[in-house]
PDB file of N, CA and C in Angstrom:
ATOM      1  N   MET A   1      -8.099   0.505 -18.065  1.00  0.00           N
ATOM      2  CA  MET A   1      -8.036  -0.871 -17.456  1.00  0.00           C
ATOM      3  C   MET A   1      -6.957  -0.416 -15.904  1.00  0.00           C
ATOM      4  N   ASN A   2      -8.202  -1.087 -15.056  1.00  0.00           N
ATOM      5  CA  ASN A   2      -7.473  -1.369 -14.083  1.00  0.00           C
ATOM      6  C   ASN A   2      -6.410  -1.312 -13.573  1.00  0.00           C
ATOM      7  N   PRO A   3      -5.412  -0.749 -13.207  1.00  0.00           N
ATOM      8  CA  PRO A   3      -3.896  -1.641 -12.552  1.00  0.00           C
ATOM      9  C   PRO A   3      -3.132  -3.470 -12.940  1.00  0.00           C
ATOM     10  N   GLU A   4      -4.005  -3.200 -11.474  1.00  0.00           N
ATOM     11  CA  GLU A   4      -4.287  -4.804 -11.210  1.00  0.00           C
ATOM     12  C   GLU A   4      -5.074  -5.760 -11.971  1.00  0.00           C
ATOM     13  N   LEU A   5      -6.196  -5.077 -12.535  1.00  0.00           N
ATOM     14  CA  LEU A   5      -6.283  -6.319 -13.744  1.00  0.00           C
ATOM     15  C   LEU A   5      -5.075  -7.004 -14.537  1.00  0.00           C
ATOM     16  N   LYS A   6      -4.692  -5.009 -15.377  1.00  0.00           N
ATOM     17  CA  LYS A   6      -3.761  -5.449 -15.787  1.00  0.00           C
ATOM     18  C   LYS A   6      -2.275  -6.122 -16.104  1.00  0.00           C
ATOM     19  N   ALA A   7      -1.810  -5.818 -14.804  1.00  0.00           N
ATOM     20  CA  ALA A   7      -0.878  -6.405 -14.441  1.00  0.00           C
ATOM     21  C   ALA A   7      -1.582  -8.286 -14.136  1.00  0.00           C
ATOM     22  N   ARG A   8      -2.099  -8.914 -13.671  1.00  0.00           N
ATOM     23  CA  ARG A   8      -2.979 -10.139 -14.009  1.00  0.00           C
ATOM     24  C   ARG A   8      -3.016 -10.543 -14.893  1.00  0.00           C
ATOM     25  N   ILE A   9      -3.321  -9.877 -16.087  1.00  0.00           N
ATOM     26  CA  ILE A   9      -3.025  -9.783 -17.114  1.00  0.00           C
ATOM     27  C   ILE A   9      -1.594 -10.609 -17.707  1.00  0.00           C
ATOM     28  N   ILE A  10      -0.429  -9.541 -17.003  1.00  0.00           N
ATOM     29  CA  ILE A  10       0.343  -9.283 -18.342  1.00  0.00           C
ATOM     30  C   ILE A  10       1.035 -11.280 -17.530  1.00  0.00           C
ATOM     31  N   LYS A  11       1.080 -11.067 -16.274  1.00  0.00           N
ATOM     32  CA  LYS A  11       1.577 -12.125 -15.214  1.00  0.00           C
ATOM     33  C   LYS A  11       1.532 -13.502 -15.463  1.00  0.00           C
ATOM     34  N   THR A  12       0.144 -13.135 -16.408  1.00  0.00           N
ATOM     35  CA  THR A  12      -0.836 -14.893 -16.820  1.00  0.00           C
ATOM     36  C   THR A  12      -0.777 -15.120 -17.968  1.00  0.00           C
ATOM     37  N   PHE A  13      -0.765 -14.503 -19.238  1.00  0.00           N
ATOM     38  CA  PHE A  13      -0.468 -14.148 -19.985  1.00  0.00           C
ATOM     39  C   PHE A  13       1.289 -14.404 -21.206  1.00  0.00           C
ATOM     40  N   GLU A  14       1.942 -13.806 -20.414  1.00  0.00           N
ATOM     41  CA  GLU A  14       3.012 -13.672 -20.540  1.00  0.00           C
ATOM     42  C   GLU A  14       4.032 -14.667 -21.189  1.00  0.00           C
ATOM     43  N   PRO A  15       4.338 -15.739 -19.817  1.00  0.00           N
ATOM     44  CA  PRO A  15       4.663 -16.520 -19.681  1.00  0.00           C
ATOM     45  C   PRO A  15       4.559 -17.669 -20.929  1.00  0.00           C
ATOM     46  N   ILE A  16       3.552 -17.941 -20.707  1.00  0.00           N
ATOM     47  CA  ILE A  16       1.833 -18.450 -22.079  1.00  0.00           C
ATOM     48  C   ILE A  16       2.365 -18.423 -23.916  1.00  0.00           C
ATOM     49  N   ILE A  17       2.973 -17.068 -24.225  1.00  0.00           N
ATOM     50  CA  ILE A  17       3.160 -16.766 -25.204  1.00  0.00           C
ATOM     51  C   ILE A  17       4.550 -16.474 -25.134  1.00  0.00           C
ATOM     52  N   GLU A  18       5.509 -16.089 -24.722  1.00  0.00           N
ATOM     53  CA  GLU A  18       7.143 -16.918 -24.581  1.00  0.00           C
ATOM     54  C   GLU A  18       7.052 -18.651 -24.936  1.00  0.00           C
ATOM     55  N   GLN A  19       6.004 -19.430 -23.593  1.00  0.00           N
ATOM     56  CA  GLN A  19       6.265 -20.482 -24.306  1.00  0.00           C
ATOM     57  C   GLN A  19       5.740 -20.990 -25.936  1.00  0.00           C
ATOM     58  N   ALA A  20       4.626 -20.471 -26.350  1.00  0.00           N
ATOM     59  CA  ALA A  20       4.022 -20.649 -27.440  1.00  0.00           C
ATOM     60  C   ALA A  20       5.161 -20.342 -28.413  1.00  0.00           C
ATOM     61  N   MET A  21       5.947 -18.983 -28.445  1.00  0.00           N
ATOM     62  CA  MET A  21       6.758 -18.770 -29.650  1.00  0.00           C
ATOM     63  C   MET A  21       7.896 -20.031 -29.600  1.00  0.00           C
ATOM     64  N   TRP A  22       8.186 -20.517 -28.112  1.00  0.00           N
ATOM     65  CA  TRP A  22       9.205 -20.902 -28.155  1.00  0.00           C
ATOM     66  C   TRP A  22       9.484 -22.483 -28.631  1.00  0.00           C
ATOM     67  N   ARG A  23       7.526 -22.965 -28.577  1.00  0.00           N
ATOM     68  CA  ARG A  23       7.578 -24.322 -29.042  1.00  0.00           C
ATOM     69  C   ARG A  23       7.950 -24.107 -30.514  1.00  0.00           C
ATOM     70  N   GLU A  24       7.304 -22.625 -31.629  1.00  0.00           N
ATOM     71  CA  GLU A  24       7.110 -22.251 -32.759  1.00  0.00           C
ATOM     72  C   GLU A  24       8.732 -22.698 -32.917  1.00  0.00           C
ATOM     73  N   ASP A  25       9.657 -22.261 -33.046  1.00  0.00           N
ATOM     74  CA  ASP A  25      10.917 -21.457 -32.882  1.00  0.00           C
ATOM     75  C   ASP A  25      11.525 -23.025 -33.030  1.00  0.00           C
ATOM     76  N   GLU A  26      11.205 -24.431 -32.374  1.00  0.00           N
ATOM     77  CA  GLU A  26      11.628 -25.410 -32.095  1.00  0.00           C
ATOM     78  C   GLU A  26      11.407 -26.121 -32.840  1.00  0.00           C
ATOM     79  N   VAL A  27       9.835 -25.897 -33.586  1.00  0.00           N
ATOM     80  CA  VAL A  27       9.339 -27.319 -34.649  1.00  0.00           C
ATOM     81  C   VAL A  27       9.787 -26.408 -35.445  1.00  0.00           C
ATOM     82  N   ARG A  28      10.486 -25.275 -35.715  1.00  0.00           N
ATOM     83  CA  ARG A  28      10.815 -24.122 -37.057  1.00  0.00           C
ATOM     84  C   ARG A  28      11.564 -25.462 -37.271  1.00  0.00           C
ATOM     85  N   ASN A  29      12.739 -25.345 -35.954  1.00  0.00           N
ATOM     86  CA  ASN A  29      13.954 -25.531 -36.385  1.00  0.00           C
ATOM     87  C   ASN A  29      14.057 -27.362 -36.499  1.00  0.00           C
ATOM     88  N   GLY A  30      13.129 -27.997 -36.565  1.00  0.00           N
ATOM     89  CA  GLY A  30      13.282 -29.302 -36.675  1.00  0.00           C
ATOM     90  C   GLY A  30      13.111 -29.795 -37.723  1.00  0.00           C
ATOM     91  N   MET A  31      12.713 -28.890 -38.649  1.00  0.00           N
ATOM     92  CA  MET A  31      11.867 -29.370 -39.966  1.00  0.00           C
ATOM     93  C   MET A  31      13.729 -29.332 -40.308  1.00  0.00           C
ATOM     94  N   ASP A  32      13.620 -30.197 -41.698  1.00  0.00           N
ATOM     95  CA  ASP A  32      14.634 -30.679 -42.671  1.00  0.00           C
ATOM     96  C   ASP A  32      14.440 -29.580 -43.549  1.00  0.00           C
ATOM     97  N   SER A  33      13.473 -29.069 -44.360  1.00  0.00           N
ATOM     98  CA  SER A  33      13.667 -28.084 -45.402  1.00  0.00           C
ATOM     99  C   SER A  33      13.267 -26.825 -44.761  1.00  0.00           C
ATOM    100  N   GLY A  34      13.405 -26.841 -43.676  1.00  0.00           N
ATOM    101  CA  GLY A  34      13.270 -25.303 -42.630  1.00  0.00           C
ATOM    102  C   GLY A  34      12.171 -24.331 -42.860  1.00  0.00           C
ATOM    103  N   SER A  35      11.832 -22.831 -42.595  1.00  0.00           N
ATOM    104  CA  SER A  35      10.703 -22.346 -42.521  1.00  0.00           C
ATOM    105  C   SER A  35      11.399 -21.307 -42.468  1.00  0.00           C
ATOM    106  N   THR A  36      10.690 -20.213 -43.573  1.00  0.00           N
ATOM    107  CA  THR A  36      10.748 -18.813 -43.539  1.00  0.00           C
ATOM    108  C   THR A  36       9.632 -17.962 -42.977  1.00  0.00           C
ATOM    109  N   GLY A  37       8.702 -18.667 -42.907  1.00  0.00           N
ATOM    110  CA  GLY A  37       7.786 -18.043 -42.023  1.00  0.00           C
ATOM    111  C   GLY A  37       8.090 -17.763 -40.897  1.00  0.00           C
ATOM    112  N   GLY A  38       6.700 -16.730 -40.128  1.00  0.00           N
ATOM    113  CA  GLY A  38       6.703 -16.320 -39.157  1.00  0.00           C
ATOM    114  C   GLY A  38       5.504 -16.918 -38.045  1.00  0.00           C
ATOM    115  N   TYR A  39       5.515 -16.506 -36.913  1.00  0.00           N
ATOM    116  CA  TYR A  39       4.536 -17.263 -36.416  1.00  0.00           C
ATOM    117  C   TYR A  39       3.164 -17.230 -36.933  1.00  0.00           C
ATOM    118  N   SER A  40       2.189 -17.814 -35.906  1.00  0.00           N
ATOM    119  CA  SER A  40       1.482 -18.783 -36.374  1.00  0.00           C
ATOM    120  C   SER A  40       0.096 -17.499 -36.213  1.00  0.00           C
ATOM    121  N   HIS A  41      -0.975 -17.235 -37.223  1.00  0.00           N
ATOM    122  CA  HIS A  41      -1.569 -16.338 -37.054  1.00  0.00           C
ATOM    123  C   HIS A  41      -2.279 -15.917 -35.260  1.00  0.00           C
ATOM    124  N   GLU A  42      -2.563 -16.652 -35.045  1.00  0.00           N
ATOM    125  CA  GLU A  42      -3.304 -16.465 -34.052  1.00  0.00           C
ATOM    126  C   GLU A  42      -2.091 -16.041 -32.582  1.00  0.00           C
ATOM    127  N   LEU A  43      -0.988 -16.972 -33.038  1.00  0.00           N
ATOM    128  CA  LEU A  43      -0.071 -15.816 -32.148  1.00  0.00           C
ATOM    129  C   LEU A  43       0.727 -14.789 -31.932  1.00  0.00           C
ATOM    130  N   THR A  44       0.468 -14.520 -33.279  1.00  0.00           N
ATOM    131  CA  THR A  44       1.236 -12.858 -33.830  1.00  0.00           C
ATOM    132  C   THR A  44      -0.456 -12.235 -32.869  1.00  0.00           C
ATOM    133  N   ASN A  45      -1.503 -12.609 -33.209  1.00  0.00           N
ATOM    134  CA  ASN A  45      -2.243 -11.302 -32.559  1.00  0.00           C
ATOM    135  C   ASN A  45      -1.874 -11.681 -31.201  1.00  0.00           C
ATOM    136  N   ALA A  46      -1.680 -13.287 -30.112  1.00  0.00           N
ATOM    137  CA  ALA A  46      -1.606 -12.556 -28.790  1.00  0.00           C
ATOM    138  C   ALA A  46      -0.548 -11.938 -28.583  1.00  0.00           C
ATOM    139  N   ILE A  47       0.713 -12.483 -29.581  1.00  0.00           N
ATOM    140  CA  ILE A  47       2.233 -10.808 -28.997  1.00  0.00           C
ATOM    141  C   ILE A  47       1.828  -9.638 -29.786  1.00  0.00           C
ATOM    142  N   ASN A  48       0.771  -9.049 -30.401  1.00  0.00           N
ATOM    143  CA  ASN A  48       0.721  -8.177 -30.573  1.00  0.00           C
ATOM    144  C   ASN A  48      -0.412  -7.422 -29.659  1.00  0.00           C
ATOM    145  N   LEU A  49      -1.514  -8.013 -29.120  1.00  0.00           N
ATOM    146  CA  LEU A  49      -1.874  -7.369 -28.085  1.00  0.00           C
ATOM    147  C   LEU A  49      -1.248  -7.845 -26.653  1.00  0.00           C
ATOM    148  N   LEU A  50      -1.155  -8.270 -26.173  1.00  0.00           N
ATOM    149  CA  LEU A  50      -0.151  -8.344 -25.203  1.00  0.00           C
ATOM    150  C   LEU A  50       1.159  -6.645 -24.557  1.00  0.00           C
ATOM    151  N   GLU A  51       0.948  -6.744 -25.882  1.00  0.00           N
ATOM    152  CA  GLU A  51       2.046  -5.585 -26.094  1.00  0.00           C
ATOM    153  C   GLU A  51       1.131  -4.515 -26.258  1.00  0.00           C
ATOM    154  N   GLU A  52       0.712  -3.855 -26.859  1.00  0.00           N
ATOM    155  CA  GLU A  52      -0.133  -2.814 -26.787  1.00  0.00           C
ATOM    156  C   GLU A  52      -1.408  -2.981 -25.505  1.00  0.00           C
ATOM    157  N   ILE A  53      -1.125  -4.049 -24.671  1.00  0.00           N
ATOM    158  CA  ILE A  53      -1.856  -4.119 -23.249  1.00  0.00           C
ATOM    159  C   ILE A  53      -0.436  -3.559 -22.255  1.00  0.00           C
ATOM    160  N   LYS A  54       0.530  -4.025 -22.574  1.00  0.00           N
ATOM    161  CA  LYS A  54       2.179  -3.853 -21.490  1.00  0.00           C
ATOM    162  C   LYS A  54       1.827  -2.170 -21.419  1.00  0.00           C
ATOM    163  N   ARG A  55       1.671  -1.356 -22.742  1.00  0.00           N
ATOM    164  CA  ARG A  55       1.418   0.434 -23.455  1.00  0.00           C
ATOM    165  C   ARG A  55       0.746   0.519 -22.806  1.00  0.00           C
ATOM    166  N   GLU A  56      -0.305   0.504 -21.953  1.00  0.00           N
ATOM    167  CA  GLU A  56      -1.497   0.929 -22.137  1.00  0.00           C
ATOM    168  C   GLU A  56      -1.266   1.633 -19.905  1.00  0.00           C
TER     169      GLU A  56
END
């Protein structure tokens, strides 16, 4: 992958993913019954893909 493109992808998507994680955590913490599950399937895929791009 082109290093400039890689840097742009990380710079663009890292804060979006972090914000989505924060929002899911806030919703989970606000539930009366609580939640034992992890992040949504889509967010988990995005987290994993970003980590894969960082490792390349």
